[in-house]
Amino acid sequence: MMRDAVTCDREDCLAVFLEPLGLPEGRTTEDAAREAGWEHGEAGHTCPGCVAGRGPVLERGECERCLGATVDRTTPDQGEANVCHYCGRVAPYPPGSGEW
């Protein structure tokens, strides 16, 4: 399967936004990236981490928004979650996911 992608045009930034699986007809990868916090201007695309001043993304990981490195953390409002070092995306774990 081939998917479209958006890359950050800031120098040395490794951020990538992959086209979401099941993107509805009529919506573009550009629309989905914009909804995820990516910006597009005269200088090209800018990832959410660079927009917020926490970029460039220097280490790839599991973040669905920028493919940046993440860390497991307990957050005050969402409990155990996966948090991106760069864009700050918080992805809570499903209930019972830590139980073996």
PDB file of N, CA and C in Angstrom:
ATOM      1  N   MET A   1       0.834  -1.174   0.000  1.00  0.00           N
ATOM      2  CA  MET A   1       0.000   0.000   0.000  1.00  0.00           C
ATOM      3  C   MET A   1       0.885   1.246   0.000  1.00  0.00           C
ATOM      4  N   MET A   2       0.575   2.172  -0.862  1.00  0.00           N
ATOM      5  CA  MET A   2       1.311   3.438  -0.906  1.00  0.00           C
ATOM      6  C   MET A   2       0.450   4.522  -0.275  1.00  0.00           C
ATOM      7  N   ARG A   3       1.101   5.386   0.529  1.00  0.00           N
ATOM      8  CA  ARG A   3       0.396   6.491   1.176  1.00  0.00           C
ATOM      9  C   ARG A   3       1.147   7.786   0.895  1.00  0.00           C
ATOM     10  N   ASP A   4       0.403   8.856   0.774  1.00  0.00           N
ATOM     11  CA  ASP A   4       1.027  10.165   0.623  1.00  0.00           C
ATOM     12  C   ASP A   4       1.635  10.580   1.953  1.00  0.00           C
ATOM     13  N   ALA A   5       2.598  11.484   1.897  1.00  0.00           N
ATOM     14  CA  ALA A   5       3.252  11.967   3.110  1.00  0.00           C
ATOM     15  C   ALA A   5       3.568  13.449   2.968  1.00  0.00           C
ATOM     16  N   VAL A   6       3.669  14.103   4.116  1.00  0.00           N
ATOM     17  CA  VAL A   6       4.082  15.502   4.186  1.00  0.00           C
ATOM     18  C   VAL A   6       5.329  15.528   5.055  1.00  0.00           C
ATOM     19  N   THR A   7       6.356  16.244   4.628  1.00  0.00           N
ATOM     20  CA  THR A   7       7.580  16.365   5.425  1.00  0.00           C
ATOM     21  C   THR A   7       7.771  17.821   5.830  1.00  0.00           C
ATOM     22  N   CYS A   8       8.434  18.014   6.961  1.00  0.00           N
ATOM     23  CA  CYS A   8       8.726  19.363   7.436  1.00  0.00           C
ATOM     24  C   CYS A   8       9.886  19.927   6.616  1.00  0.00           C
ATOM     25  N   ASP A   9       9.730  21.155   6.177  1.00  0.00           N
ATOM     26  CA  ASP A   9      10.750  21.783   5.343  1.00  0.00           C
ATOM     27  C   ASP A   9      11.768  22.598   6.135  1.00  0.00           C
ATOM     28  N   ARG A  10      11.668  22.566   7.466  1.00  0.00           N
ATOM     29  CA  ARG A  10      12.671  23.253   8.271  1.00  0.00           C
ATOM     30  C   ARG A  10      13.977  22.466   8.190  1.00  0.00           C
ATOM     31  N   GLU A  11      15.090  23.162   8.148  1.00  0.00           N
ATOM     32  CA  GLU A  11      16.394  22.514   8.023  1.00  0.00           C
ATOM     33  C   GLU A  11      16.633  21.532   9.171  1.00  0.00           C
ATOM     34  N   ASP A  12      17.103  20.343   8.834  1.00  0.00           N
ATOM     35  CA  ASP A  12      17.458  19.277   9.776  1.00  0.00           C
ATOM     36  C   ASP A  12      16.274  18.638  10.495  1.00  0.00           C
ATOM     37  N   CYS A  13      15.042  18.948  10.117  1.00  0.00           N
ATOM     38  CA  CYS A  13      13.880  18.354  10.778  1.00  0.00           C
ATOM     39  C   CYS A  13      13.495  17.058  10.074  1.00  0.00           C
ATOM     40  N   LEU A  14      13.291  16.002  10.850  1.00  0.00           N
ATOM     41  CA  LEU A  14      12.951  14.681  10.317  1.00  0.00           C
ATOM     42  C   LEU A  14      11.455  14.375  10.389  1.00  0.00           C
ATOM     43  N   ALA A  15      10.624  15.356  10.738  1.00  0.00           N
ATOM     44  CA  ALA A  15       9.193  15.116  10.923  1.00  0.00           C
ATOM     45  C   ALA A  15       8.522  14.694   9.621  1.00  0.00           C
ATOM     46  N   VAL A  16       7.608  13.732   9.757  1.00  0.00           N
ATOM     47  CA  VAL A  16       6.833  13.214   8.625  1.00  0.00           C
ATOM     48  C   VAL A  16       5.394  13.023   9.084  1.00  0.00           C
ATOM     49  N   PHE A  17       4.445  13.381   8.240  1.00  0.00           N
ATOM     50  CA  PHE A  17       3.040  13.098   8.488  1.00  0.00           C
ATOM     51  C   PHE A  17       2.572  12.162   7.393  1.00  0.00           C
ATOM     52  N   LEU A  18       2.139  10.962   7.778  1.00  0.00           N
ATOM     53  CA  LEU A  18       1.656   9.981   6.806  1.00  0.00           C
ATOM     54  C   LEU A  18       0.156  10.119   6.616  1.00  0.00           C
ATOM     55  N   GLU A  19      -0.285   9.945   5.399  1.00  0.00           N
ATOM     56  CA  GLU A  19      -1.713   9.964   5.099  1.00  0.00           C
ATOM     57  C   GLU A  19      -2.420   8.956   6.003  1.00  0.00           C
ATOM     58  N   PRO A  20      -3.458   9.389   6.737  1.00  0.00           N
ATOM     59  CA  PRO A  20      -4.167   8.456   7.616  1.00  0.00           C
ATOM     60  C   PRO A  20      -4.836   7.336   6.819  1.00  0.00           C
ATOM     61  N   LEU A  21      -4.843   6.147   7.375  1.00  0.00           N
ATOM     62  CA  LEU A  21      -5.561   5.039   6.749  1.00  0.00           C
ATOM     63  C   LEU A  21      -7.050   5.356   6.769  1.00  0.00           C
ATOM     64  N   GLY A  22      -7.730   5.050   5.712  1.00  0.00           N
ATOM     65  CA  GLY A  22      -9.171   5.282   5.647  1.00  0.00           C
ATOM     66  C   GLY A  22      -9.541   6.746   5.509  1.00  0.00           C
ATOM     67  N   LEU A  23      -8.686   7.535   4.885  1.00  0.00           N
ATOM     68  CA  LEU A  23      -8.990   8.950   4.657  1.00  0.00           C
ATOM     69  C   LEU A  23     -10.244   9.038   3.789  1.00  0.00           C
ATOM     70  N   PRO A  24     -11.289   9.737   4.266  1.00  0.00           N
ATOM     71  CA  PRO A  24     -12.541   9.802   3.506  1.00  0.00           C
ATOM     72  C   PRO A  24     -12.355  10.429   2.121  1.00  0.00           C
ATOM     73  N   GLU A  25     -13.182  10.003   1.200  1.00  0.00           N
ATOM     74  CA  GLU A  25     -13.147  10.540  -0.164  1.00  0.00           C
ATOM     75  C   GLU A  25     -13.360  12.050  -0.123  1.00  0.00           C
ATOM     76  N   GLY A  26     -12.582  12.760  -0.892  1.00  0.00           N
ATOM     77  CA  GLY A  26     -12.713  14.209  -0.940  1.00  0.00           C
ATOM     78  C   GLY A  26     -11.794  14.948   0.021  1.00  0.00           C
ATOM     79  N   ARG A  27     -11.251  14.252   1.011  1.00  0.00           N
ATOM     80  CA  ARG A  27     -10.296  14.878   1.932  1.00  0.00           C
ATOM     81  C   ARG A  27      -8.897  14.564   1.452  1.00  0.00           C
ATOM     82  N   THR A  28      -8.020  15.529   1.558  1.00  0.00           N
ATOM     83  CA  THR A  28      -6.644  15.338   1.109  1.00  0.00           C
ATOM     84  C   THR A  28      -5.710  15.136   2.292  1.00  0.00           C
ATOM     85  N   THR A  29      -4.534  14.615   2.004  1.00  0.00           N
ATOM     86  CA  THR A  29      -3.504  14.470   3.032  1.00  0.00           C
ATOM     87  C   THR A  29      -3.163  15.838   3.606  1.00  0.00           C
ATOM     88  N   GLU A  30      -3.160  16.840   2.754  1.00  0.00           N
ATOM     89  CA  GLU A  30      -2.883  18.226   3.188  1.00  0.00           C
ATOM     90  C   GLU A  30      -3.913  18.681   4.226  1.00  0.00           C
ATOM     91  N   ASP A  31      -5.195  18.363   4.005  1.00  0.00           N
ATOM     92  CA  ASP A  31      -6.251  18.717   4.968  1.00  0.00           C
ATOM     93  C   ASP A  31      -6.016  18.026   6.304  1.00  0.00           C
ATOM     94  N   ALA A  32      -5.711  16.732   6.251  1.00  0.00           N
ATOM     95  CA  ALA A  32      -5.481  15.963   7.477  1.00  0.00           C
ATOM     96  C   ALA A  32      -4.257  16.486   8.226  1.00  0.00           C
ATOM     97  N   ALA A  33      -3.212  16.850   7.500  1.00  0.00           N
ATOM     98  CA  ALA A  33      -2.006  17.392   8.136  1.00  0.00           C
ATOM     99  C   ALA A  33      -2.317  18.717   8.818  1.00  0.00           C
ATOM    100  N   ARG A  34      -3.085  19.558   8.160  1.00  0.00           N
ATOM    101  CA  ARG A  34      -3.461  20.850   8.739  1.00  0.00           C
ATOM    102  C   ARG A  34      -4.243  20.640  10.036  1.00  0.00           C
ATOM    103  N   GLU A  35      -5.160  19.664  10.043  1.00  0.00           N
ATOM    104  CA  GLU A  35      -5.940  19.357  11.246  1.00  0.00           C
ATOM    105  C   GLU A  35      -5.054  18.833  12.370  1.00  0.00           C
ATOM    106  N   ALA A  36      -3.926  18.208  12.022  1.00  0.00           N
ATOM    107  CA  ALA A  36      -2.998  17.666  13.015  1.00  0.00           C
ATOM    108  C   ALA A  36      -1.997  18.712  13.505  1.00  0.00           C
ATOM    109  N   GLY A  37      -2.123  19.949  13.022  1.00  0.00           N
ATOM    110  CA  GLY A  37      -1.252  21.008  13.510  1.00  0.00           C
ATOM    111  C   GLY A  37      -0.129  21.421  12.581  1.00  0.00           C
ATOM    112  N   TRP A  38      -0.074  20.814  11.406  1.00  0.00           N
ATOM    113  CA  TRP A  38       0.942  21.196  10.421  1.00  0.00           C
ATOM    114  C   TRP A  38       0.515  22.498   9.756  1.00  0.00           C
ATOM    115  N   GLU A  39       1.507  23.325   9.405  1.00  0.00           N
ATOM    116  CA  GLU A  39       1.232  24.570   8.697  1.00  0.00           C
ATOM    117  C   GLU A  39       1.900  24.537   7.330  1.00  0.00           C
ATOM    118  N   HIS A  40       1.310  25.278   6.396  1.00  0.00           N
ATOM    119  CA  HIS A  40       1.875  25.358   5.048  1.00  0.00           C
ATOM    120  C   HIS A  40       1.873  26.812   4.621  1.00  0.00           C
ATOM    121  N   GLY A  41       3.041  27.303   4.254  1.00  0.00           N
ATOM    122  CA  GLY A  41       3.168  28.694   3.819  1.00  0.00           C
ATOM    123  C   GLY A  41       4.172  28.804   2.695  1.00  0.00           C
ATOM    124  N   GLU A  42       4.672  30.010   2.491  1.00  0.00           N
ATOM    125  CA  GLU A  42       5.633  30.250   1.413  1.00  0.00           C
ATOM    126  C   GLU A  42       6.912  29.443   1.582  1.00  0.00           C
ATOM    127  N   ALA A  43       7.308  29.204   2.835  1.00  0.00           N
ATOM    128  CA  ALA A  43       8.546  28.459   3.102  1.00  0.00           C
ATOM    129  C   ALA A  43       8.342  26.950   3.029  1.00  0.00           C
ATOM    130  N   GLY A  44       7.115  26.508   2.782  1.00  0.00           N
ATOM    131  CA  GLY A  44       6.828  25.075   2.711  1.00  0.00           C
ATOM    132  C   GLY A  44       6.042  24.603   3.919  1.00  0.00           C
ATOM    133  N   HIS A  45       6.155  23.319   4.229  1.00  0.00           N
ATOM    134  CA  HIS A  45       5.443  22.721   5.357  1.00  0.00           C
ATOM    135  C   HIS A  45       6.254  22.869   6.637  1.00  0.00           C
ATOM    136  N   THR A  46       5.537  23.081   7.742  1.00  0.00           N
ATOM    137  CA  THR A  46       6.176  23.167   9.053  1.00  0.00           C
ATOM    138  C   THR A  46       5.418  22.248  10.004  1.00  0.00           C
ATOM    139  N   CYS A  47       6.148  21.362  10.690  1.00  0.00           N
ATOM    140  CA  CYS A  47       5.533  20.391  11.597  1.00  0.00           C
ATOM    141  C   CYS A  47       5.078  21.079  12.889  1.00  0.00           C
ATOM    142  N   PRO A  48       4.193  20.435  13.658  1.00  0.00           N
ATOM    143  CA  PRO A  48       3.709  21.034  14.900  1.00  0.00           C
ATOM    144  C   PRO A  48       4.821  21.325  15.912  1.00  0.00           C
ATOM    145  N   GLY A  49       5.859  20.503  15.950  1.00  0.00           N
ATOM    146  CA  GLY A  49       6.968  20.740  16.873  1.00  0.00           C
ATOM    147  C   GLY A  49       7.721  22.009  16.531  1.00  0.00           C
ATOM    148  N   CYS A  50       7.988  22.230  15.260  1.00  0.00           N
ATOM    149  CA  CYS A  50       8.682  23.453  14.829  1.00  0.00           C
ATOM    150  C   CYS A  50       7.784  24.671  15.007  1.00  0.00           C
ATOM    151  N   VAL A  51       6.479  24.517  14.750  1.00  0.00           N
ATOM    152  CA  VAL A  51       5.532  25.615  14.940  1.00  0.00           C
ATOM    153  C   VAL A  51       5.538  26.059  16.401  1.00  0.00           C
ATOM    154  N   ALA A  52       5.602  25.087  17.326  1.00  0.00           N
ATOM    155  CA  ALA A  52       5.561  25.386  18.761  1.00  0.00           C
ATOM    156  C   ALA A  52       6.921  25.766  19.334  1.00  0.00           C
ATOM    157  N   GLY A  53       7.971  25.699  18.511  1.00  0.00           N
ATOM    158  CA  GLY A  53       9.303  26.044  18.994  1.00  0.00           C
ATOM    159  C   GLY A  53      10.023  24.909  19.696  1.00  0.00           C
ATOM    160  N   ARG A  54       9.513  23.673  19.561  1.00  0.00           N
ATOM    161  CA  ARG A  54      10.151  22.507  20.189  1.00  0.00           C
ATOM    162  C   ARG A  54      10.905  21.648  19.182  1.00  0.00           C
ATOM    163  N   GLY A  55      10.923  22.077  17.941  1.00  0.00           N
ATOM    164  CA  GLY A  55      11.611  21.321  16.898  1.00  0.00           C
ATOM    165  C   GLY A  55      12.977  21.881  16.657  1.00  0.00           C
ATOM    166  N   PRO A  56      13.692  21.339  15.716  1.00  0.00           N
ATOM    167  CA  PRO A  56      13.288  20.322  14.759  1.00  0.00           C
ATOM    168  C   PRO A  56      13.267  18.922  15.375  1.00  0.00           C
ATOM    169  N   VAL A  57      12.494  18.039  14.751  1.00  0.00           N
ATOM    170  CA  VAL A  57      12.460  16.636  15.162  1.00  0.00           C
ATOM    171  C   VAL A  57      13.804  16.022  14.778  1.00  0.00           C
ATOM    172  N   LEU A  58      14.523  15.551  15.777  1.00  0.00           N
ATOM    173  CA  LEU A  58      15.855  14.992  15.545  1.00  0.00           C
ATOM    174  C   LEU A  58      15.897  13.478  15.683  1.00  0.00           C
ATOM    175  N   GLU A  59      14.840  12.916  16.270  1.00  0.00           N
ATOM    176  CA  GLU A  59      14.813  11.468  16.506  1.00  0.00           C
ATOM    177  C   GLU A  59      13.425  10.942  16.170  1.00  0.00           C
ATOM    178  N   ARG A  60      13.363   9.962  15.289  1.00  0.00           N
ATOM    179  CA  ARG A  60      12.082   9.382  14.889  1.00  0.00           C
ATOM    180  C   ARG A  60      11.562   8.435  15.958  1.00  0.00           C
ATOM    181  N   GLY A  61      10.242   8.312  15.984  1.00  0.00           N
ATOM    182  CA  GLY A  61       9.603   7.442  16.967  1.00  0.00           C
ATOM    183  C   GLY A  61       8.219   7.035  16.511  1.00  0.00           C
ATOM    184  N   GLU A  62       7.273   7.014  17.439  1.00  0.00           N
ATOM    185  CA  GLU A  62       5.944   6.468  17.187  1.00  0.00           C
ATOM    186  C   GLU A  62       4.830   7.506  17.120  1.00  0.00           C
ATOM    187  N   CYS A  63       5.147   8.785  17.199  1.00  0.00           N
ATOM    188  CA  CYS A  63       4.108   9.813  17.188  1.00  0.00           C
ATOM    189  C   CYS A  63       3.358   9.790  15.857  1.00  0.00           C
ATOM    190  N   GLU A  64       2.032   9.743  15.928  1.00  0.00           N
ATOM    191  CA  GLU A  64       1.214   9.711  14.713  1.00  0.00           C
ATOM    192  C   GLU A  64       1.132  11.076  14.044  1.00  0.00           C
ATOM    193  N   ARG A  65       1.464  12.127  14.769  1.00  0.00           N
ATOM    194  CA  ARG A  65       1.367  13.480  14.230  1.00  0.00           C
ATOM    195  C   ARG A  65       2.630  13.904  13.491  1.00  0.00           C
ATOM    196  N   CYS A  66       3.824  13.487  14.002  1.00  0.00           N
ATOM    197  CA  CYS A  66       5.073  13.953  13.375  1.00  0.00           C
ATOM    198  C   CYS A  66       6.141  12.859  13.245  1.00  0.00           C
ATOM    199  N   LEU A  67       5.841  11.648  13.697  1.00  0.00           N
ATOM    200  CA  LEU A  67       6.781  10.528  13.722  1.00  0.00           C
ATOM    201  C   LEU A  67       8.002  10.823  14.587  1.00  0.00           C
ATOM    202  N   GLY A  68       7.829  11.701  15.577  1.00  0.00           N
ATOM    203  CA  GLY A  68       8.906  12.002  16.515  1.00  0.00           C
ATOM    204  C   GLY A  68       8.974  10.980  17.637  1.00  0.00           C
ATOM    205  N   ALA A  69      10.081  11.024  18.383  1.00  0.00           N
ATOM    206  CA  ALA A  69      10.285  10.121  19.515  1.00  0.00           C
ATOM    207  C   ALA A  69       9.278  10.426  20.625  1.00  0.00           C
ATOM    208  N   THR A  70       8.836   9.378  21.293  1.00  0.00           N
ATOM    209  CA  THR A  70       7.853   9.507  22.363  1.00  0.00           C
ATOM    210  C   THR A  70       8.385   8.901  23.650  1.00  0.00           C
ATOM    211  N   VAL A  71       7.706   9.225  24.748  1.00  0.00           N
ATOM    212  CA  VAL A  71       8.066   8.694  26.052  1.00  0.00           C
ATOM    213  C   VAL A  71       6.778   8.307  26.769  1.00  0.00           C
ATOM    214  N   ASP A  72       6.839   7.243  27.573  1.00  0.00           N
ATOM    215  CA  ASP A  72       5.690   6.848  28.388  1.00  0.00           C
ATOM    216  C   ASP A  72       5.673   7.735  29.621  1.00  0.00           C
ATOM    217  N   ARG A  73       4.502   8.287  29.929  1.00  0.00           N
ATOM    218  CA  ARG A  73       4.416   9.242  31.020  1.00  0.00           C
ATOM    219  C   ARG A  73       3.027   9.180  31.636  1.00  0.00           C
ATOM    220  N   THR A  74       2.934   9.486  32.918  1.00  0.00           N
ATOM    221  CA  THR A  74       1.644   9.628  33.573  1.00  0.00           C
ATOM    222  C   THR A  74       1.250  11.094  33.495  1.00  0.00           C
ATOM    223  N   THR A  75       0.101  11.360  32.888  1.00  0.00           N
ATOM    224  CA  THR A  75      -0.370  12.734  32.754  1.00  0.00           C
ATOM    225  C   THR A  75      -1.486  12.978  33.764  1.00  0.00           C
ATOM    226  N   PRO A  76      -1.616  14.205  34.269  1.00  0.00           N
ATOM    227  CA  PRO A  76      -2.618  14.481  35.295  1.00  0.00           C
ATOM    228  C   PRO A  76      -4.052  14.263  34.827  1.00  0.00           C
ATOM    229  N   ASP A  77      -4.334  14.551  33.569  1.00  0.00           N
ATOM    230  CA  ASP A  77      -5.719  14.456  33.109  1.00  0.00           C
ATOM    231  C   ASP A  77      -6.049  13.195  32.317  1.00  0.00           C
ATOM    232  N   GLN A  78      -5.023  12.479  31.796  1.00  0.00           N
ATOM    233  CA  GLN A  78      -5.318  11.310  30.973  1.00  0.00           C
ATOM    234  C   GLN A  78      -4.668  10.026  31.467  1.00  0.00           C
ATOM    235  N   GLY A  79      -4.012  10.057  32.613  1.00  0.00           N
ATOM    236  CA  GLY A  79      -3.379   8.856  33.152  1.00  0.00           C
ATOM    237  C   GLY A  79      -2.159   8.448  32.347  1.00  0.00           C
ATOM    238  N   GLU A  80      -1.932   7.142  32.245  1.00  0.00           N
ATOM    239  CA  GLU A  80      -0.783   6.633  31.491  1.00  0.00           C
ATOM    240  C   GLU A  80      -0.959   6.957  30.011  1.00  0.00           C
ATOM    241  N   ALA A  81       0.087   7.536  29.420  1.00  0.00           N
ATOM    242  CA  ALA A  81      -0.017   7.951  28.023  1.00  0.00           C
ATOM    243  C   ALA A  81       1.349   7.939  27.363  1.00  0.00           C
ATOM    244  N   ASN A  82       1.314   7.994  26.055  1.00  0.00           N
ATOM    245  CA  ASN A  82       2.506   8.101  25.225  1.00  0.00           C
ATOM    246  C   ASN A  82       2.570   9.559  24.776  1.00  0.00           C
ATOM    247  N   VAL A  83       3.674  10.270  25.102  1.00  0.00           N
ATOM    248  CA  VAL A  83       3.783  11.709  24.835  1.00  0.00           C
ATOM    249  C   VAL A  83       4.964  11.971  23.904  1.00  0.00           C
ATOM    250  N   CYS A  84       4.734  12.775  22.861  1.00  0.00           N
ATOM    251  CA  CYS A  84       5.783  13.111  21.902  1.00  0.00           C
ATOM    252  C   CYS A  84       6.699  14.189  22.473  1.00  0.00           C
ATOM    253  N   HIS A  85       8.007  13.984  22.349  1.00  0.00           N
ATOM    254  CA  HIS A  85       8.988  14.970  22.806  1.00  0.00           C
ATOM    255  C   HIS A  85       8.872  16.275  22.035  1.00  0.00           C
ATOM    256  N   TYR A  86       8.443  16.223  20.797  1.00  0.00           N
ATOM    257  CA  TYR A  86       8.511  17.380  19.907  1.00  0.00           C
ATOM    258  C   TYR A  86       7.190  18.123  19.769  1.00  0.00           C
ATOM    259  N   CYS A  87       6.145  17.464  19.319  1.00  0.00           N
ATOM    260  CA  CYS A  87       4.883  18.175  19.103  1.00  0.00           C
ATOM    261  C   CYS A  87       3.993  18.161  20.340  1.00  0.00           C
ATOM    262  N   GLY A  88       4.302  17.308  21.312  1.00  0.00           N
ATOM    263  CA  GLY A  88       3.541  17.268  22.552  1.00  0.00           C
ATOM    264  C   GLY A  88       2.272  16.446  22.488  1.00  0.00           C
ATOM    265  N   ARG A  89       2.042  15.728  21.409  1.00  0.00           N
ATOM    266  CA  ARG A  89       0.833  14.906  21.281  1.00  0.00           C
ATOM    267  C   ARG A  89       0.764  13.895  22.414  1.00  0.00           C
ATOM    268  N   VAL A  90      -0.404  13.808  23.057  1.00  0.00           N
ATOM    269  CA  VAL A  90      -0.627  12.861  24.147  1.00  0.00           C
ATOM    270  C   VAL A  90      -1.584  11.790  23.637  1.00  0.00           C
ATOM    271  N   ALA A  91      -1.134  10.538  23.650  1.00  0.00           N
ATOM    272  CA  ALA A  91      -1.958   9.416  23.210  1.00  0.00           C
ATOM    273  C   ALA A  91      -2.183   8.499  24.406  1.00  0.00           C
ATOM    274  N   PRO A  92      -3.360   8.620  25.068  1.00  0.00           N
ATOM    275  CA  PRO A  92      -3.628   7.775  26.234  1.00  0.00           C
ATOM    276  C   PRO A  92      -3.684   6.299  25.853  1.00  0.00           C
ATOM    277  N   TYR A  93      -3.260   5.468  26.782  1.00  0.00           N
ATOM    278  CA  TYR A  93      -3.346   4.029  26.565  1.00  0.00           C
ATOM    279  C   TYR A  93      -4.773   3.566  26.825  1.00  0.00           C
ATOM    280  N   PRO A  94      -5.242   2.567  26.092  1.00  0.00           N
ATOM    281  CA  PRO A  94      -6.581   2.039  26.348  1.00  0.00           C
ATOM    282  C   PRO A  94      -6.644   1.396  27.733  1.00  0.00           C
ATOM    283  N   PRO A  95      -7.817   1.402  28.360  1.00  0.00           N
ATOM    284  CA  PRO A  95      -7.955   0.770  29.680  1.00  0.00           C
ATOM    285  C   PRO A  95      -7.511  -0.690  29.637  1.00  0.00           C
ATOM    286  N   GLY A  96      -6.734  -1.097  30.631  1.00  0.00           N
ATOM    287  CA  GLY A  96      -6.270  -2.473  30.733  1.00  0.00           C
ATOM    288  C   GLY A  96      -5.071  -2.803  29.882  1.00  0.00           C
ATOM    289  N   SER A  97      -4.520  -1.835  29.166  1.00  0.00           N
ATOM    290  CA  SER A  97      -3.399  -2.130  28.273  1.00  0.00           C
ATOM    291  C   SER A  97      -2.115  -2.442  29.026  1.00  0.00           C
ATOM    292  N   GLY A  98      -2.005  -2.016  30.280  1.00  0.00           N
ATOM    293  CA  GLY A  98      -0.800  -2.280  31.056  1.00  0.00           C
ATOM    294  C   GLY A  98      -0.859  -3.584  31.828  1.00  0.00           C
ATOM    295  N   GLU A  99      -1.981  -4.281  31.729  1.00  0.00           N
ATOM    296  CA  GLU A  99      -2.146  -5.537  32.464  1.00  0.00           C
ATOM    297  C   GLU A  99      -1.700  -6.711  31.603  1.00  0.00           C
ATOM    298  N   TRP A 100      -0.995  -7.617  32.183  1.00  0.00           N
ATOM    299  CA  TRP A 100      -0.529  -8.794  31.446  1.00  0.00           C
ATOM    300  C   TRP A 100      -1.414  -9.935  31.692  1.00  0.00           C
TER     301      TRP A 100
END
